[in-house]
PDB file of N, CA and C in Angstrom:
ATOM      1  N   MET A   1      -8.226 -62.929  -4.740  1.00  0.00           N
ATOM      2  CA  MET A   1      -7.858 -63.569  -4.556  1.00  0.00           C
ATOM      3  C   MET A   1      -5.938 -62.870  -5.384  1.00  0.00           C
ATOM      4  N   ARG A   2      -6.285 -62.253  -5.446  1.00  0.00           N
ATOM      5  CA  ARG A   2      -4.519 -62.066  -6.343  1.00  0.00           C
ATOM      6  C   ARG A   2      -3.706 -61.464  -5.079  1.00  0.00           C
ATOM      7  N   THR A   3      -2.919 -61.402  -4.462  1.00  0.00           N
ATOM      8  CA  THR A   3      -1.945 -60.746  -3.879  1.00  0.00           C
ATOM      9  C   THR A   3      -0.671 -60.215  -4.140  1.00  0.00           C
ATOM     10  N   ALA A   4       0.430 -59.933  -3.640  1.00  0.00           N
ATOM     11  CA  ALA A   4       1.296 -59.585  -3.984  1.00  0.00           C
ATOM     12  C   ALA A   4       2.278 -60.517  -4.933  1.00  0.00           C
ATOM     13  N   LEU A   5       2.117 -61.628  -5.091  1.00  0.00           N
ATOM     14  CA  LEU A   5       2.880 -62.210  -5.757  1.00  0.00           C
ATOM     15  C   LEU A   5       2.486 -62.299  -6.777  1.00  0.00           C
ATOM     16  N   HIS A   6       1.819 -61.962  -6.871  1.00  0.00           N
ATOM     17  CA  HIS A   6       0.666 -61.826  -8.721  1.00  0.00           C
ATOM     18  C   HIS A   6       1.887 -61.438  -9.100  1.00  0.00           C
ATOM     19  N   PRO A   7       1.750 -59.750  -8.900  1.00  0.00           N
ATOM     20  CA  PRO A   7       2.685 -58.954  -9.799  1.00  0.00           C
ATOM     21  C   PRO A   7       4.028 -59.512 -10.327  1.00  0.00           C
ATOM     22  N   TRP A   8       4.933 -60.080  -8.394  1.00  0.00           N
ATOM     23  CA  TRP A   8       6.489 -59.908  -8.306  1.00  0.00           C
ATOM     24  C   TRP A   8       6.062 -61.229  -9.393  1.00  0.00           C
ATOM     25  N   ILE A   9       4.965 -62.363  -9.867  1.00  0.00           N
ATOM     26  CA  ILE A   9       5.795 -63.270 -11.110  1.00  0.00           C
ATOM     27  C   ILE A   9       5.829 -62.546 -12.527  1.00  0.00           C
ATOM     28  N   PHE A  10       5.098 -61.526 -12.794  1.00  0.00           N
ATOM     29  CA  PHE A  10       5.049 -61.536 -13.740  1.00  0.00           C
ATOM     30  C   PHE A  10       6.359 -60.270 -13.877  1.00  0.00           C
ATOM     31  N   ALA A  11       6.204 -60.195 -12.907  1.00  0.00           N
ATOM     32  CA  ALA A  11       7.798 -58.876 -12.781  1.00  0.00           C
ATOM     33  C   ALA A  11       9.165 -59.900 -13.274  1.00  0.00           C
ATOM     34  N   VAL A  12       9.083 -60.793 -12.403  1.00  0.00           N
ATOM     35  CA  VAL A  12       9.961 -61.812 -12.575  1.00  0.00           C
ATOM     36  C   VAL A  12      10.204 -62.739 -13.888  1.00  0.00           C
ATOM     37  N   THR A  13       9.430 -62.694 -14.753  1.00  0.00           N
ATOM     38  CA  THR A  13       9.183 -63.131 -16.080  1.00  0.00           C
ATOM     39  C   THR A  13       9.673 -62.422 -16.826  1.00  0.00           C
ATOM     40  N   TYR A  14       9.462 -61.085 -16.758  1.00  0.00           N
ATOM     41  CA  TYR A  14       9.824 -59.693 -17.875  1.00  0.00           C
ATOM     42  C   TYR A  14      11.171 -59.677 -17.595  1.00  0.00           C
ATOM     43  N   LYS A  15      12.228 -59.816 -16.300  1.00  0.00           N
ATOM     44  CA  LYS A  15      13.311 -60.070 -15.739  1.00  0.00           C
ATOM     45  C   LYS A  15      14.278 -61.292 -16.984  1.00  0.00           C
ATOM     46  N   ILE A  16      13.079 -62.278 -16.681  1.00  0.00           N
ATOM     47  CA  ILE A  16      14.289 -63.517 -17.163  1.00  0.00           C
ATOM     48  C   ILE A  16      13.680 -63.633 -18.111  1.00  0.00           C
ATOM     49  N   ALA A  17      12.484 -62.479 -18.922  1.00  0.00           N
ATOM     50  CA  ALA A  17      13.065 -62.860 -21.079  1.00  0.00           C
ATOM     51  C   ALA A  17      13.879 -61.371 -20.947  1.00  0.00           C
ATOM     52  N   ASP A  18      14.178 -60.573 -20.227  1.00  0.00           N
ATOM     53  CA  ASP A  18      14.697 -59.117 -20.461  1.00  0.00           C
ATOM     54  C   ASP A  18      16.720 -60.076 -20.556  1.00  0.00           C
ATOM     55  N   VAL A  19      16.515 -60.708 -19.298  1.00  0.00           N
ATOM     56  CA  VAL A  19      18.041 -62.066 -19.177  1.00  0.00           C
ATOM     57  C   VAL A  19      18.244 -62.260 -20.368  1.00  0.00           C
ATOM     58  N   MET A  20      17.297 -63.166 -20.609  1.00  0.00           N
ATOM     59  CA  MET A  20      17.408 -64.696 -22.003  1.00  0.00           C
ATOM     60  C   MET A  20      17.567 -63.746 -23.196  1.00  0.00           C
ATOM     61  N   SER A  21      16.681 -62.516 -23.718  1.00  0.00           N
ATOM     62  CA  SER A  21      17.398 -61.621 -24.909  1.00  0.00           C
ATOM     63  C   SER A  21      18.832 -60.896 -24.651  1.00  0.00           C
ATOM     64  N   THR A  22      19.305 -60.983 -23.503  1.00  0.00           N
ATOM     65  CA  THR A  22      21.089 -60.900 -23.468  1.00  0.00           C
ATOM     66  C   THR A  22      21.267 -61.188 -24.053  1.00  0.00           C
ATOM     67  N   LEU A  23      21.331 -62.774 -23.159  1.00  0.00           N
ATOM     68  CA  LEU A  23      22.389 -63.507 -23.512  1.00  0.00           C
ATOM     69  C   LEU A  23      22.324 -64.027 -25.026  1.00  0.00           C
ATOM     70  N   GLU A  24      21.592 -64.177 -25.686  1.00  0.00           N
ATOM     71  CA  GLU A  24      21.667 -64.548 -26.966  1.00  0.00           C
ATOM     72  C   GLU A  24      21.751 -63.517 -27.944  1.00  0.00           C
ATOM     73  N   GLY A  25      21.491 -61.811 -27.265  1.00  0.00           N
ATOM     74  CA  GLY A  25      21.959 -61.582 -28.818  1.00  0.00           C
ATOM     75  C   GLY A  25      20.948 -60.433 -29.502  1.00  0.00           C
ATOM     76  N   ALA A  26      19.997 -61.300 -28.695  1.00  0.00           N
ATOM     77  CA  ALA A  26      18.647 -60.515 -29.892  1.00  0.00           C
ATOM     78  C   ALA A  26      18.661 -58.877 -30.048  1.00  0.00           C
ATOM     79  N   THR A  27      18.396 -58.879 -31.437  1.00  0.00           N
ATOM     80  CA  THR A  27      18.356 -57.083 -31.533  1.00  0.00           C
ATOM     81  C   THR A  27      16.816 -56.016 -30.708  1.00  0.00           C
ATOM     82  N   ARG A  28      16.945 -55.372 -30.676  1.00  0.00           N
ATOM     83  CA  ARG A  28      15.685 -54.181 -30.454  1.00  0.00           C
ATOM     84  C   ARG A  28      14.636 -55.057 -30.753  1.00  0.00           C
ATOM     85  N   THR A  29      13.874 -55.185 -32.221  1.00  0.00           N
ATOM     86  CA  THR A  29      12.938 -56.089 -31.957  1.00  0.00           C
ATOM     87  C   THR A  29      12.649 -57.569 -31.665  1.00  0.00           C
ATOM     88  N   ALA A  30      13.398 -58.248 -31.745  1.00  0.00           N
ATOM     89  CA  ALA A  30      13.140 -59.808 -30.673  1.00  0.00           C
ATOM     90  C   ALA A  30      13.226 -59.014 -29.170  1.00  0.00           C
ATOM     91  N   ARG A  31      14.249 -58.643 -29.238  1.00  0.00           N
ATOM     92  CA  ARG A  31      14.236 -58.279 -27.425  1.00  0.00           C
ATOM     93  C   ARG A  31      12.844 -57.626 -27.347  1.00  0.00           C
ATOM     94  N   ALA A  32      11.923 -56.983 -27.597  1.00  0.00           N
ATOM     95  CA  ALA A  32      10.700 -55.832 -27.897  1.00  0.00           C
ATOM     96  C   ALA A  32       9.964 -57.852 -27.973  1.00  0.00           C
ATOM     97  N   GLN A  33       9.684 -58.437 -29.041  1.00  0.00           N
ATOM     98  CA  GLN A  33       9.004 -59.113 -29.494  1.00  0.00           C
ATOM     99  C   GLN A  33       8.700 -60.925 -27.559  1.00  0.00           C
ATOM    100  N   ASP A  34      10.057 -60.903 -27.342  1.00  0.00           N
ATOM    101  CA  ASP A  34      10.525 -61.803 -25.961  1.00  0.00           C
ATOM    102  C   ASP A  34       9.547 -60.947 -24.882  1.00  0.00           C
ATOM    103  N   MET A  35       9.162 -60.005 -24.982  1.00  0.00           N
ATOM    104  CA  MET A  35       8.770 -58.810 -24.141  1.00  0.00           C
ATOM    105  C   MET A  35       7.136 -58.484 -23.856  1.00  0.00           C
ATOM    106  N   LEU A  36       6.552 -58.901 -25.008  1.00  0.00           N
ATOM    107  CA  LEU A  36       5.885 -58.896 -25.261  1.00  0.00           C
ATOM    108  C   LEU A  36       4.861 -60.605 -24.948  1.00  0.00           C
ATOM    109  N   ILE A  37       5.701 -61.085 -25.754  1.00  0.00           N
ATOM    110  CA  ILE A  37       5.100 -62.909 -25.104  1.00  0.00           C
ATOM    111  C   ILE A  37       5.445 -63.650 -24.269  1.00  0.00           C
ATOM    112  N   ALA A  38       6.608 -63.098 -23.330  1.00  0.00           N
ATOM    113  CA  ALA A  38       6.582 -64.017 -22.037  1.00  0.00           C
ATOM    114  C   ALA A  38       5.771 -63.636 -20.924  1.00  0.00           C
ATOM    115  N   PRO A  39       4.691 -62.523 -20.853  1.00  0.00           N
ATOM    116  CA  PRO A  39       3.697 -63.115 -19.989  1.00  0.00           C
ATOM    117  C   PRO A  39       2.842 -63.861 -20.248  1.00  0.00           C
ATOM    118  N   LYS A  40       2.425 -63.679 -22.127  1.00  0.00           N
ATOM    119  CA  LYS A  40       1.774 -64.333 -22.429  1.00  0.00           C
ATOM    120  C   LYS A  40       1.989 -66.520 -22.486  1.00  0.00           C
ATOM    121  N   ILE A  41       2.966 -66.692 -22.235  1.00  0.00           N
ATOM    122  CA  ILE A  41       3.161 -67.923 -21.883  1.00  0.00           C
ATOM    123  C   ILE A  41       2.811 -68.108 -20.659  1.00  0.00           C
ATOM    124  N   VAL A  42       3.117 -67.466 -19.619  1.00  0.00           N
ATOM    125  CA  VAL A  42       3.218 -67.447 -18.078  1.00  0.00           C
ATOM    126  C   VAL A  42       1.874 -67.227 -17.827  1.00  0.00           C
ATOM    127  N   GLN A  43       0.467 -66.569 -18.375  1.00  0.00           N
ATOM    128  CA  GLN A  43      -0.608 -66.759 -18.472  1.00  0.00           C
ATOM    129  C   GLN A  43      -1.590 -67.901 -18.542  1.00  0.00           C
ATOM    130  N   ALA A  44      -0.526 -68.087 -19.784  1.00  0.00           N
ATOM    131  CA  ALA A  44      -1.202 -70.186 -20.818  1.00  0.00           C
ATOM    132  C   ALA A  44      -0.801 -71.305 -19.415  1.00  0.00           C
ATOM    133  N   ILE A  45       0.028 -70.593 -19.058  1.00  0.00           N
ATOM    134  CA  ILE A  45       0.755 -72.434 -17.849  1.00  0.00           C
ATOM    135  C   ILE A  45      -0.961 -71.983 -16.610  1.00  0.00           C
ATOM    136  N   PHE A  46      -0.843 -70.842 -15.695  1.00  0.00           N
ATOM    137  CA  PHE A  46      -1.883 -70.763 -15.370  1.00  0.00           C
ATOM    138  C   PHE A  46      -3.337 -71.140 -15.741  1.00  0.00           C
ATOM    139  N   ALA A  47      -3.135 -70.574 -16.826  1.00  0.00           N
ATOM    140  CA  ALA A  47      -4.922 -71.176 -17.441  1.00  0.00           C
ATOM    141  C   ALA A  47      -4.906 -72.827 -17.519  1.00  0.00           C
ATOM    142  N   ALA A  48      -3.763 -73.062 -18.229  1.00  0.00           N
ATOM    143  CA  ALA A  48      -4.010 -74.524 -18.298  1.00  0.00           C
ATOM    144  C   ALA A  48      -3.753 -75.674 -17.128  1.00  0.00           C
ATOM    145  N   THR A  49      -2.540 -74.820 -15.760  1.00  0.00           N
ATOM    146  CA  THR A  49      -2.896 -76.002 -15.271  1.00  0.00           C
ATOM    147  C   THR A  49      -4.644 -75.661 -14.203  1.00  0.00           C
ATOM    148  N   MET A  50      -5.154 -74.237 -13.944  1.00  0.00           N
ATOM    149  CA  MET A  50      -6.071 -74.297 -13.419  1.00  0.00           C
ATOM    150  C   MET A  50      -7.355 -75.620 -14.450  1.00  0.00           C
ATOM    151  N   ASP A  51      -7.610 -75.658 -15.371  1.00  0.00           N
ATOM    152  CA  ASP A  51      -8.184 -76.224 -16.213  1.00  0.00           C
ATOM    153  C   ASP A  51      -8.218 -77.539 -15.394  1.00  0.00           C
ATOM    154  N   PHE A  52      -6.090 -78.265 -15.664  1.00  0.00           N
ATOM    155  CA  PHE A  52      -6.402 -79.497 -14.745  1.00  0.00           C
ATOM    156  C   PHE A  52      -6.523 -79.352 -13.600  1.00  0.00           C
ATOM    157  N   TYR A  53      -6.637 -78.489 -13.147  1.00  0.00           N
ATOM    158  CA  TYR A  53      -7.179 -79.153 -11.929  1.00  0.00           C
ATOM    159  C   TYR A  53      -8.526 -79.330 -10.771  1.00  0.00           C
ATOM    160  N   THR A  54      -9.020 -77.958 -12.200  1.00  0.00           N
ATOM    161  CA  THR A  54     -10.635 -78.354 -12.333  1.00  0.00           C
ATOM    162  C   THR A  54     -10.798 -79.872 -12.666  1.00  0.00           C
ATOM    163  N   TRP A  55     -11.102 -80.539 -14.293  1.00  0.00           N
ATOM    164  CA  TRP A  55     -11.237 -82.285 -14.374  1.00  0.00           C
ATOM    165  C   TRP A  55     -10.172 -82.585 -13.309  1.00  0.00           C
ATOM    166  N   LYS A  56      -9.382 -82.126 -12.803  1.00  0.00           N
ATOM    167  CA  LYS A  56      -9.205 -83.652 -11.539  1.00  0.00           C
ATOM    168  C   LYS A  56     -10.239 -83.079 -10.499  1.00  0.00           C
ATOM    169  N   LEU A  57     -10.931 -81.626 -10.156  1.00  0.00           N
ATOM    170  CA  LEU A  57     -11.589 -82.016  -8.790  1.00  0.00           C
ATOM    171  C   LEU A  57     -12.563 -82.628  -8.743  1.00  0.00           C
ATOM    172  N   GLY A  58     -13.279 -82.313 -10.529  1.00  0.00           N
ATOM    173  CA  GLY A  58     -14.007 -83.138 -11.666  1.00  0.00           C
ATOM    174  C   GLY A  58     -14.680 -84.407 -11.197  1.00  0.00           C
ATOM    175  N   GLN A  59     -12.978 -85.189 -11.470  1.00  0.00           N
ATOM    176  CA  GLN A  59     -13.133 -86.620 -11.086  1.00  0.00           C
ATOM    177  C   GLN A  59     -13.025 -86.871  -9.994  1.00  0.00           C
ATOM    178  N   LYS A  60     -12.695 -86.124  -8.909  1.00  0.00           N
ATOM    179  CA  LYS A  60     -12.955 -86.324  -7.508  1.00  0.00           C
ATOM    180  C   LYS A  60     -14.609 -86.419  -7.331  1.00  0.00           C
ATOM    181  N   LEU A  61     -15.398 -85.152  -8.050  1.00  0.00           N
ATOM    182  CA  LEU A  61     -17.192 -85.369  -7.091  1.00  0.00           C
ATOM    183  C   LEU A  61     -17.085 -86.249  -7.411  1.00  0.00           C
ATOM    184  N   TYR A  62     -17.643 -86.649  -9.289  1.00  0.00           N
ATOM    185  CA  TYR A  62     -18.385 -87.257  -9.951  1.00  0.00           C
ATOM    186  C   TYR A  62     -17.888 -88.872 -10.332  1.00  0.00           C
ATOM    187  N   GLY A  63     -16.428 -88.827 -10.196  1.00  0.00           N
ATOM    188  CA  GLY A  63     -15.740 -90.206 -10.103  1.00  0.00           C
ATOM    189  C   GLY A  63     -15.178 -90.057 -11.717  1.00  0.00           C
ATOM    190  N   ALA A  64     -14.266 -90.735 -11.315  1.00  0.00           N
ATOM    191  CA  ALA A  64     -12.938 -90.401 -13.036  1.00  0.00           C
ATOM    192  C   ALA A  64     -13.773 -91.794 -13.927  1.00  0.00           C
ATOM    193  N   GLY A  65     -13.271 -91.250 -14.744  1.00  0.00           N
ATOM    194  CA  GLY A  65     -14.249 -91.311 -16.632  1.00  0.00           C
ATOM    195  C   GLY A  65     -15.294 -90.730 -16.330  1.00  0.00           C
ATOM    196  N   SER A  66     -16.042 -90.012 -15.020  1.00  0.00           N
ATOM    197  CA  SER A  66     -17.764 -89.122 -15.595  1.00  0.00           C
ATOM    198  C   SER A  66     -16.950 -88.418 -16.638  1.00  0.00           C
ATOM    199  N   ASP A  67     -17.966 -88.722 -17.242  1.00  0.00           N
ATOM    200  CA  ASP A  67     -18.691 -87.250 -18.562  1.00  0.00           C
ATOM    201  C   ASP A  67     -18.730 -86.364 -18.069  1.00  0.00           C
ATOM    202  N   ALA A  68     -19.234 -85.568 -16.793  1.00  0.00           N
ATOM    203  CA  ALA A  68     -19.521 -84.639 -15.462  1.00  0.00           C
ATOM    204  C   ALA A  68     -17.557 -83.918 -14.892  1.00  0.00           C
ATOM    205  N   ALA A  69     -16.846 -84.810 -15.194  1.00  0.00           N
ATOM    206  CA  ALA A  69     -15.817 -84.686 -15.314  1.00  0.00           C
ATOM    207  C   ALA A  69     -14.944 -83.867 -16.382  1.00  0.00           C
ATOM    208  N   MET A  70     -15.124 -84.394 -17.518  1.00  0.00           N
ATOM    209  CA  MET A  70     -14.683 -83.286 -18.127  1.00  0.00           C
ATOM    210  C   MET A  70     -15.855 -82.098 -18.191  1.00  0.00           C
ATOM    211  N   ALA A  71     -16.655 -82.064 -18.055  1.00  0.00           N
ATOM    212  CA  ALA A  71     -18.210 -81.041 -18.398  1.00  0.00           C
ATOM    213  C   ALA A  71     -17.812 -80.229 -18.013  1.00  0.00           C
ATOM    214  N   ALA A  72     -16.779 -79.497 -16.741  1.00  0.00           N
ATOM    215  CA  ALA A  72     -16.575 -79.063 -16.066  1.00  0.00           C
ATOM    216  C   ALA A  72     -15.209 -77.867 -16.723  1.00  0.00           C
ATOM    217  N   VAL A  73     -14.322 -78.918 -17.404  1.00  0.00           N
ATOM    218  CA  VAL A  73     -13.880 -78.067 -18.144  1.00  0.00           C
ATOM    219  C   VAL A  73     -14.292 -77.169 -19.539  1.00  0.00           C
ATOM    220  N   ARG A  74     -15.330 -78.251 -20.311  1.00  0.00           N
ATOM    221  CA  ARG A  74     -15.754 -77.539 -21.308  1.00  0.00           C
ATOM    222  C   ARG A  74     -16.696 -77.074 -21.520  1.00  0.00           C
ATOM    223  N   VAL A  75     -17.415 -76.531 -20.578  1.00  0.00           N
ATOM    224  CA  VAL A  75     -18.434 -75.712 -19.991  1.00  0.00           C
ATOM    225  C   VAL A  75     -17.979 -74.446 -20.392  1.00  0.00           C
ATOM    226  N   PRO A  76     -16.550 -73.590 -19.161  1.00  0.00           N
ATOM    227  CA  PRO A  76     -16.302 -72.324 -19.383  1.00  0.00           C
ATOM    228  C   PRO A  76     -14.885 -72.080 -20.613  1.00  0.00           C
ATOM    229  N   CYS A  77     -15.209 -73.421 -21.663  1.00  0.00           N
ATOM    230  CA  CYS A  77     -14.524 -73.045 -22.366  1.00  0.00           C
ATOM    231  C   CYS A  77     -15.551 -72.906 -23.958  1.00  0.00           C
ATOM    232  N   SER A  78     -16.517 -73.429 -23.497  1.00  0.00           N
ATOM    233  CA  SER A  78     -17.845 -74.023 -25.186  1.00  0.00           C
ATOM    234  C   SER A  78     -18.291 -72.325 -25.541  1.00  0.00           C
ATOM    235  N   ARG A  79     -17.733 -71.380 -25.041  1.00  0.00           N
ATOM    236  CA  ARG A  79     -18.383 -70.182 -25.298  1.00  0.00           C
ATOM    237  C   ARG A  79     -17.390 -69.949 -26.296  1.00  0.00           C
ATOM    238  N   TYR A  80     -16.280 -70.828 -26.755  1.00  0.00           N
ATOM    239  CA  TYR A  80     -14.759 -70.035 -27.568  1.00  0.00           C
ATOM    240  C   TYR A  80     -15.104 -71.230 -28.590  1.00  0.00           C
ATOM    241  N   THR A  81     -15.944 -71.829 -29.028  1.00  0.00           N
ATOM    242  CA  THR A  81     -16.160 -72.643 -29.955  1.00  0.00           C
ATOM    243  C   THR A  81     -17.256 -72.542 -31.014  1.00  0.00           C
ATOM    244  N   ASN A  82     -16.790 -72.925 -32.023  1.00  0.00           N
ATOM    245  CA  ASN A  82     -18.588 -72.118 -33.204  1.00  0.00           C
ATOM    246  C   ASN A  82     -19.427 -73.091 -33.101  1.00  0.00           C
ATOM    247  N   ALA A  83     -20.623 -72.644 -32.582  1.00  0.00           N
ATOM    248  CA  ALA A  83     -21.540 -73.259 -33.115  1.00  0.00           C
ATOM    249  C   ALA A  83     -22.093 -73.446 -34.012  1.00  0.00           C
ATOM    250  N   ASP A  84     -21.885 -73.180 -35.595  1.00  0.00           N
ATOM    251  CA  ASP A  84     -22.280 -72.568 -36.206  1.00  0.00           C
ATOM    252  C   ASP A  84     -21.805 -74.245 -37.400  1.00  0.00           C
TER     253      ASP A  84
END
């Protein structure tokens, strides 16, 4: 499902991080940290957006306020919780 748009989004992300680091006069270390953090933030936004729309789809399919709608988001995330 990835098109040429996917790498382009991250190229723009790196460019924005570079420009912002330059404008704020960041040190080399701070600049490197900005370059490491920027794509993680973009990916987190993508993940949160997908979770939101999965929940919205669950509401549409199972009804608003349905436990099944929340389960559509919780089940994929459940492997990250501590069951102990």
